[in-house]
């Protein structure tokens, strides 16, 4: 690949690449299985390296029903990197976009006393990266190296839908920042007792602030 340009790399990936697969799955899945209802076409084929799996349970019908019940959706983008890092190191810098319309909607919901629930850790990282120290979300795009921890806390989100993560994964710090260590510990104990399925094609649970 010496001397190859971005277009050449994407072409090679399309022809020879394969999706990241965890050992508990029996076979490779087509790329369509990794696309959520929130996914948009990418002009150059670039995007996430792993599936933003918290959105997998959503269908177009479910989204329509939620909207009919008053739930509003504020689209944001974060191209997820390789989240299954072998040494459980913090997530790599990732590209994100919080559009102006979404920033305004989030602000209006918070001002009206509503709750901001992120669909996935990637959405948390994007929204929190666009929030100032005053907690106001502003339109922003670029790369983020933000790692949400209990010490840093969350400024915007009141909860999130997320899958189940490995015991040493950095994403657990984000969950603890939202709900506290005790609540997350109890939730994971129940998940182990119930033999819930983890990772991309596993179960999703709702984590709310204390």
Foldseek 3Di string as FASTA:
>chain_A
DVPDDPLVVLVCCVVPNFADDDPVDDDGDPVVLLDAPLDDDDPSNDAANHRLQLRRVDDPVNVVVVVVVPDDDQDKGWRHYPQPDPVLDQGDKIWIWRAQVSLVVLVVCVVVVHAAEARGPRRQQRQQVQADPQLRGHTDTDIDRDQAALVNAGSRHFKYKYFDDDPSHSVVRVLCSRANPVVVVVVVVVCVVVVWDTDRPTDIDIRGHD
